[in-house]
């Protein structure tokens, strides 16, 4: 897949963040000419250290995707755009919905409008979220499931999806929408507890602290190791037949939250316990979720290759070796 990007001009918004930086590393390995836009908004995970080893091979612009003047200049001449900039925290979207609106709606609309003005020939891969579905009526959840988000972040990501579809249908700006589930692995932000349970679990496990599981621990989730997600994104950018479509990502082996903790306890020594749901967290909890990604598999032959056990092992090993988290 890397060879397909050799010599291509590729822009990654949010390229200093978790998933974005992993995309950048793969693109550089594949010989692409890579540009990165990141505003380094405090608390959102962007970090120049995420591009260690490839920084001198990448054109980095510390810019705000909400700034039309900047974006009109920066998006010129790129063949493909991976749109990964935005707010990903569900709890933060409830605390500051206007910031979430600005980052996830205004930011994406500004990107699209900049492309409409000066680079209509590019293709965009947009990272959406399984949160647009809200609480599943049944599982596994396929793309025909009703969208009914339970938090502000899901509402704004759903709106952004409509922007991309609209600009594809009306202005011909090609795009693909991928609805991501729980992505984890090297370079994820472990410091911010508002970005989901998995980063918190991993950080506390590395530090030997008590991992608290909300509820009884039976909630089901599907986890995607970041290398598999990057592969899915690269396929989306390279295959024309997926243009204008929406796809779920997912994993064939969903696991309970308790099972995730059990796996981590085979790798690290730390205590754990179940605790009652905080009221605010319970209000936006979706219960069980397991995504049906068969539509994307049939279009691209994408299949997650990393098991949960292997992915958590690789993640723990990476943080221990990088000394970038609290380790015993």
Protein backbone atom coordinates (compact mmCIF):
# COMPACT_ATOMS: atom_id res chain seq x y z
CA UNK A 1 0.00 0.00 0.00
CA UNK A 2 2.87 2.37 0.77
CA UNK A 3 4.09 2.20 -2.84
CA UNK A 4 0.83 3.70 -4.09
CA UNK A 5 1.69 6.93 -2.29
CA UNK A 6 5.22 7.21 -3.65
CA UNK A 7 5.67 10.74 -4.99
CA UNK A 8 2.13 11.78 -4.04
CA UNK A 9 1.58 15.11 -2.32
CA UNK A 10 -0.39 14.35 0.81
CA UNK A 11 -1.70 16.72 3.49
CA UNK A 12 -2.56 15.51 7.00
CA UNK A 13 -4.57 17.87 9.19
CA UNK A 14 -4.08 17.10 12.86
CA UNK A 15 -0.83 15.44 11.82
CA UNK A 16 0.86 16.03 15.18
CA UNK A 17 -1.84 14.11 17.03
CA UNK A 18 -2.22 10.41 17.74
CA UNK A 19 -3.69 8.92 14.58
CA UNK A 20 -2.45 11.72 12.33
CA UNK A 21 1.18 11.25 13.30
CA UNK A 22 0.96 7.52 12.68
CA UNK A 23 -0.46 8.25 9.22
CA UNK A 24 2.44 10.65 8.59
CA UNK A 25 5.04 8.04 9.55
CA UNK A 26 3.55 5.52 7.12
CA UNK A 27 3.33 8.07 4.30
CA UNK A 28 6.95 9.10 4.74
CA UNK A 29 7.99 5.44 4.69
CA UNK A 30 6.10 5.11 1.41
CA UNK A 31 7.89 8.00 -0.25
CA UNK A 32 5.08 10.55 -0.18
CA UNK A 33 5.66 14.29 0.01
CA UNK A 34 3.87 15.07 3.26
CA UNK A 35 2.48 18.31 4.63
CA UNK A 36 1.10 18.62 8.14
CA UNK A 37 -1.30 21.18 9.57
CA UNK A 38 -1.81 21.26 13.32
CA UNK A 39 -2.81 24.10 15.62
CA UNK A 40 -1.32 22.43 18.73
CA UNK A 41 -4.41 23.37 20.75
CA UNK A 42 -3.58 22.69 24.38
CA UNK A 43 -4.94 19.41 25.70
CA UNK A 44 -5.78 17.95 22.29
CA UNK A 45 -2.77 15.64 21.96
CA UNK A 46 -0.73 17.39 19.29
CA UNK A 47 3.00 17.10 19.91
CA UNK A 48 6.01 17.62 17.66
CA UNK A 49 7.66 14.65 19.37
CA UNK A 50 5.08 12.42 17.65
CA UNK A 51 7.00 12.99 14.41
CA UNK A 52 10.38 12.10 15.90
CA UNK A 53 12.48 10.45 13.21
CA UNK A 54 10.59 11.95 10.26
CA UNK A 55 10.18 15.59 11.24
CA UNK A 56 12.92 16.76 8.90
CA UNK A 57 11.13 15.02 6.01
CA UNK A 58 7.76 16.71 6.57
CA UNK A 59 6.52 20.24 5.93
CA UNK A 60 4.83 21.22 9.20
CA UNK A 61 2.60 24.28 9.47
CA UNK A 62 1.36 25.31 12.92
CA UNK A 63 -1.93 26.71 11.67
CA UNK A 64 -5.61 26.68 12.54
CA UNK A 65 -7.92 24.84 10.12
CA UNK A 66 -10.65 27.34 11.04
CA UNK A 67 -8.67 30.18 9.45
CA UNK A 68 -9.85 30.53 5.85
CA UNK A 69 -6.93 32.69 4.71
CA UNK A 70 -4.40 30.20 6.02
CA UNK A 71 -6.23 27.17 4.67
CA UNK A 72 -6.74 28.61 1.19
CA UNK A 73 -2.98 28.99 0.95
CA UNK A 74 -2.05 25.68 2.59
CA UNK A 75 -4.29 23.21 0.71
CA UNK A 76 -3.03 24.05 -2.78
CA UNK A 77 -1.45 21.35 -4.93
CA UNK A 78 -2.09 18.36 -2.67
CA UNK A 79 -3.37 15.13 -4.22
CA UNK A 80 -4.93 13.70 -1.06
CA UNK A 81 -5.98 15.17 2.29
CA UNK A 82 -6.38 13.12 5.46
CA UNK A 83 -8.71 15.20 7.62
CA UNK A 84 -7.89 14.21 11.20
CA UNK A 85 -7.93 17.56 12.99
CA UNK A 86 -10.70 18.08 15.49
CA UNK A 87 -12.01 17.53 18.98
CA UNK A 88 -12.36 13.86 19.92
CA UNK A 89 -13.45 13.99 23.56
CA UNK A 90 -17.08 13.22 24.20
CA UNK A 91 -17.02 14.57 27.76
CA UNK A 92 -15.21 17.76 26.73
CA UNK A 93 -17.82 18.34 24.03
CA UNK A 94 -20.45 18.42 26.76
CA UNK A 95 -18.43 20.83 28.89
CA UNK A 96 -17.57 23.19 26.03
CA UNK A 97 -19.96 22.56 23.14
CA UNK A 98 -19.07 25.80 21.35
CA UNK A 99 -15.41 24.82 21.09
CA UNK A 100 -16.45 21.40 19.80
CA UNK A 101 -18.71 23.10 17.24
CA UNK A 102 -15.86 25.32 16.13
CA UNK A 103 -13.29 22.54 15.77
CA UNK A 104 -15.48 19.80 14.34
CA UNK A 105 -17.89 21.80 12.17
CA UNK A 106 -16.32 25.14 11.34
CA UNK A 107 -12.92 23.53 10.88
CA UNK A 108 -14.15 20.90 8.43
CA UNK A 109 -16.32 23.36 6.53
CA UNK A 110 -13.37 25.74 6.23
CA UNK A 111 -11.24 22.93 4.82
CA UNK A 112 -13.90 22.04 2.27
CA UNK A 113 -14.46 25.63 1.24
CA UNK A 114 -10.72 26.17 0.83
CA UNK A 115 -10.59 23.10 -1.42
CA UNK A 116 -13.59 24.33 -3.39
CA UNK A 117 -11.82 27.63 -4.03
CA UNK A 118 -8.38 26.38 -5.03
CA UNK A 119 -8.01 22.58 -5.18
CA UNK A 120 -11.16 20.76 -6.29
CA UNK A 121 -9.19 17.84 -7.71
CA UNK A 122 -7.98 16.56 -4.36
CA UNK A 123 -9.53 13.69 -2.40
CA UNK A 124 -10.33 13.80 1.32
CA UNK A 125 -10.43 10.96 3.83
CA UNK A 126 -12.44 12.14 6.83
CA UNK A 127 -12.22 10.43 10.22
CA UNK A 128 -15.64 10.34 11.81
CA UNK A 129 -16.75 8.31 14.83
CA UNK A 130 -19.02 5.44 15.80
CA UNK A 131 -20.54 7.93 18.27
CA UNK A 132 -22.88 9.19 15.53
CA UNK A 133 -24.99 6.06 16.08
CA UNK A 134 -25.65 6.77 19.74
CA UNK A 135 -26.98 3.78 21.71
CA UNK A 136 -27.20 0.78 19.39
CA UNK A 137 -30.60 -0.75 18.77
CA UNK A 138 -28.84 -4.01 17.93
CA UNK A 139 -25.28 -5.20 17.37
CA UNK A 140 -23.16 -5.50 15.37
CA UNK A 141 -23.97 -2.01 14.04
CA UNK A 142 -23.86 -1.56 10.28
CA UNK A 143 -24.04 1.65 8.24
CA UNK A 144 -27.83 1.33 7.86
CA UNK A 145 -28.31 1.73 11.61
CA UNK A 146 -30.09 4.98 12.54
CA UNK A 147 -27.83 7.84 13.58
CA UNK A 148 -28.91 9.30 16.90
CA UNK A 149 -25.88 10.66 18.80
CA UNK A 150 -26.14 11.06 22.57
CA UNK A 151 -23.46 13.72 22.99
CA UNK A 152 -22.44 17.01 21.41
CA UNK A 153 -19.35 15.53 19.79
CA UNK A 154 -21.43 12.94 17.97
CA UNK A 155 -23.85 15.61 16.76
CA UNK A 156 -21.06 17.76 15.36
CA UNK A 157 -19.26 14.82 13.74
CA UNK A 158 -22.54 13.82 12.10
CA UNK A 159 -22.96 17.38 10.79
CA UNK A 160 -19.41 17.31 9.40
CA UNK A 161 -20.21 14.07 7.58
CA UNK A 162 -23.07 15.89 5.87
CA UNK A 163 -20.72 18.70 4.83
CA UNK A 164 -18.42 16.21 3.10
CA UNK A 165 -21.31 14.45 1.39
CA UNK A 166 -22.77 17.79 0.29
CA UNK A 167 -19.52 19.07 -1.17
CA UNK A 168 -19.04 15.77 -3.01
CA UNK A 169 -22.51 15.82 -4.54
CA UNK A 170 -22.65 19.54 -5.38
CA UNK A 171 -19.04 20.56 -6.02
CA UNK A 172 -17.47 17.22 -6.93
CA UNK A 173 -14.90 17.25 -4.12
CA UNK A 174 -14.25 13.59 -3.59
CA UNK A 175 -14.34 12.29 -0.04
CA UNK A 176 -14.59 9.09 1.97
CA UNK A 177 -15.97 8.96 5.51
CA UNK A 178 -14.63 6.37 7.95
CA UNK A 179 -16.43 5.90 11.27
CA UNK A 180 -13.73 4.92 13.72
CA UNK A 181 -14.26 2.97 16.90
CA UNK A 182 -11.79 2.73 19.83
CA UNK A 183 -8.35 3.31 18.30
CA UNK A 184 -5.25 2.70 20.43
CA UNK A 185 -1.52 2.23 20.14
CA UNK A 186 1.76 4.18 20.10
CA UNK A 187 1.54 7.97 20.36
CA UNK A 188 -1.97 8.01 21.83
CA UNK A 189 -2.55 10.73 24.40
CA UNK A 190 -2.44 9.02 27.79
CA UNK A 191 -2.44 12.22 29.83
CA UNK A 192 -5.98 13.39 29.12
CA UNK A 193 -8.64 11.27 30.85
CA UNK A 194 -11.39 12.95 28.84
CA UNK A 195 -10.36 11.15 25.64
CA UNK A 196 -11.90 7.85 26.58
CA UNK A 197 -11.49 4.93 28.91
CA UNK A 198 -8.73 3.11 27.04
CA UNK A 199 -6.00 5.74 27.39
CA UNK A 200 -6.84 6.08 31.06
CA UNK A 201 -6.69 2.32 31.57
CA UNK A 202 -3.31 2.06 29.86
CA UNK A 203 -1.75 5.00 31.72
CA UNK A 204 -2.91 3.81 35.11
CA UNK A 205 -1.77 0.28 34.34
CA UNK A 206 1.69 1.54 33.34
CA UNK A 207 1.89 3.56 36.55
CA UNK A 208 0.69 0.72 38.79
CA UNK A 209 -2.39 2.71 39.82
CA UNK A 210 -5.90 1.40 40.37
CA UNK A 211 -7.92 1.07 37.19
CA UNK A 212 -11.57 1.92 37.85
CA UNK A 213 -14.15 0.36 35.55
CA UNK A 214 -17.49 2.14 35.39
CA UNK A 215 -20.45 -0.20 35.89
CA UNK A 216 -19.97 -3.96 36.10
CA UNK A 217 -17.33 -4.21 33.38
CA UNK A 218 -19.49 -6.21 30.99
CA UNK A 219 -19.83 -3.41 28.41
CA UNK A 220 -18.67 -4.59 24.98
CA UNK A 221 -16.33 -2.59 22.73
CA UNK A 222 -14.36 -3.29 19.56
CA UNK A 223 -10.80 -1.99 19.53
CA UNK A 224 -8.64 -1.19 16.51
CA UNK A 225 -4.87 -1.04 16.80
CA UNK A 226 -3.63 2.14 15.16
CA UNK A 227 -1.61 0.35 12.44
CA UNK A 228 -4.83 -1.26 11.22
CA UNK A 229 -6.60 2.10 11.22
CA UNK A 230 -3.78 3.71 9.25
CA UNK A 231 -3.99 0.90 6.69
CA UNK A 232 -7.75 1.48 6.38
CA UNK A 233 -7.17 5.19 5.79
CA UNK A 234 -4.48 4.63 3.17
CA UNK A 235 -6.80 2.25 1.31
CA UNK A 236 -9.58 4.84 1.44
CA UNK A 237 -7.30 7.43 -0.11
CA UNK A 238 -6.12 5.11 -2.87
CA UNK A 239 -9.29 3.34 -4.04
CA UNK A 240 -11.69 5.29 -6.26
CA UNK A 241 -14.70 3.02 -5.74
CA UNK A 242 -15.14 4.21 -2.13
CA UNK A 243 -15.55 7.87 -3.11
CA UNK A 244 -18.69 9.47 -1.70
CA UNK A 245 -19.39 6.61 0.72
CA UNK A 246 -19.50 6.08 4.49
CA UNK A 247 -17.93 3.06 6.17
CA UNK A 248 -17.55 1.61 9.63
CA UNK A 249 -14.26 0.32 10.93
CA UNK A 250 -14.31 -2.35 13.61
CA UNK A 251 -12.78 -5.58 14.87
CA UNK A 252 -13.98 -9.19 14.59
CA UNK A 253 -13.34 -9.86 18.29
CA UNK A 254 -15.22 -7.42 20.54
CA UNK A 255 -14.22 -7.54 24.19
CA UNK A 256 -15.66 -6.42 27.49
CA UNK A 257 -14.07 -3.65 29.51
CA UNK A 258 -13.24 -6.24 32.19
CA UNK A 259 -11.50 -8.39 29.58
CA UNK A 260 -9.36 -5.42 28.53
CA UNK A 261 -8.25 -4.94 32.13
CA UNK A 262 -7.59 -8.67 32.47
CA UNK A 263 -5.30 -8.59 29.42
CA UNK A 264 -3.42 -5.56 30.77
CA UNK A 265 -2.96 -7.39 34.08
CA UNK A 266 -1.10 -10.17 32.24
CA UNK A 267 1.38 -7.51 31.10
CA UNK A 268 1.59 -5.21 34.12
CA UNK A 269 0.96 -5.30 37.86
CA UNK A 270 -1.84 -2.99 39.01
CA UNK A 271 -5.09 -3.25 40.99
CA UNK A 272 -8.53 -2.75 39.49
CA UNK A 273 -12.09 -2.38 40.68
CA UNK A 274 -15.58 -1.68 39.39
CA UNK A 275 -17.23 1.58 40.49
CA UNK A 276 -20.67 3.13 39.87
CA UNK A 277 -21.06 5.29 36.80
CA UNK A 278 -20.63 9.02 37.46
CA UNK A 279 -23.91 10.71 36.62
CA UNK A 280 -22.54 12.80 33.76
CA UNK A 281 -20.70 9.84 32.21
CA UNK A 282 -23.78 7.63 32.42
CA UNK A 283 -25.87 10.24 30.60
CA UNK A 284 -23.78 9.89 27.43
CA UNK A 285 -22.72 6.23 27.74
CA UNK A 286 -23.77 4.16 24.73
CA UNK A 287 -23.81 0.73 26.39
CA UNK A 288 -22.52 -2.10 24.22
CA UNK A 289 -21.04 -1.31 20.80
CA UNK A 290 -19.64 -3.56 18.10
CA UNK A 291 -19.28 -2.28 14.56
CA UNK A 292 -19.99 -4.28 11.39
CA UNK A 293 -17.20 -3.38 8.95
CA UNK A 294 -18.15 -5.93 6.27
CA UNK A 295 -19.07 -3.21 3.77
CA UNK A 296 -15.58 -1.74 3.94
CA UNK A 297 -14.01 -5.18 3.77
CA UNK A 298 -15.95 -6.01 0.61
CA UNK A 299 -14.85 -2.74 -1.04
CA UNK A 300 -11.17 -2.77 -0.04
CA UNK A 301 -10.29 -6.21 1.41
CA UNK A 302 -9.38 -4.42 4.64
CA UNK A 303 -9.28 -6.67 7.66
CA UNK A 304 -7.81 -5.87 11.08
CA UNK A 305 -4.64 -7.92 11.50
CA UNK A 306 -3.79 -7.17 15.13
CA UNK A 307 -5.60 -8.96 17.94
CA UNK A 308 -6.52 -7.12 21.12
CA UNK A 309 -3.94 -9.12 23.08
CA UNK A 310 -1.17 -8.36 20.59
CA UNK A 311 -2.18 -4.71 20.23
CA UNK A 312 -2.16 -4.07 23.97
CA UNK A 313 1.19 -5.84 24.26
CA UNK A 314 2.69 -3.65 21.50
CA UNK A 315 1.25 -0.51 23.08
CA UNK A 316 2.59 -1.25 26.55
CA UNK A 317 5.99 -2.17 25.12
CA UNK A 318 6.17 1.05 23.10
CA UNK A 319 5.47 3.25 26.11
CA UNK A 320 7.92 1.33 28.29
CA UNK A 321 10.67 1.66 25.69
CA UNK A 322 9.94 5.31 24.92
CA UNK A 323 9.78 6.23 28.61
CA UNK A 324 6.90 8.54 27.71
CA UNK A 325 4.51 7.33 30.38
CA UNK A 326 4.82 6.53 34.06
CA UNK A 327 6.35 3.05 34.25
CA UNK A 328 7.51 1.02 37.20
